[in-house]
């Protein structure tokens, strides 16, 4: 879920959000 990726995306540069979100 993107809820748990929000903090991780900020560390990766919002790049992991699109990868995990999709």
Protein backbone atom coordinates (compact mmCIF):
# COMPACT_ATOMS: atom_id res chain seq x y z
CA UNK A 1 0.00 0.00 0.00
CA UNK A 2 1.21 3.57 -0.72
CA UNK A 3 0.53 4.47 2.90
CA UNK A 4 3.67 2.60 3.98
CA UNK A 5 5.64 3.69 0.90
CA UNK A 6 5.13 7.42 1.52
CA UNK A 7 8.13 7.65 3.94
CA UNK A 8 10.18 5.30 1.78
CA UNK A 9 9.45 7.30 -1.37
CA UNK A 10 10.75 10.48 0.28
CA UNK A 11 14.03 8.67 0.96
CA UNK A 12 14.31 7.25 -2.55
CA UNK A 13 13.11 10.46 -4.17
CA UNK A 14 9.44 9.60 -4.75
CA UNK A 15 10.73 7.02 -7.25
CA UNK A 16 9.85 3.94 -5.19
CA UNK A 17 6.26 5.18 -4.84
CA UNK A 18 5.56 4.88 -8.57
CA UNK A 19 7.32 1.51 -8.69
CA UNK A 20 5.52 0.03 -5.68
CA UNK A 21 2.27 1.84 -6.42
CA UNK A 22 2.15 0.22 -9.85
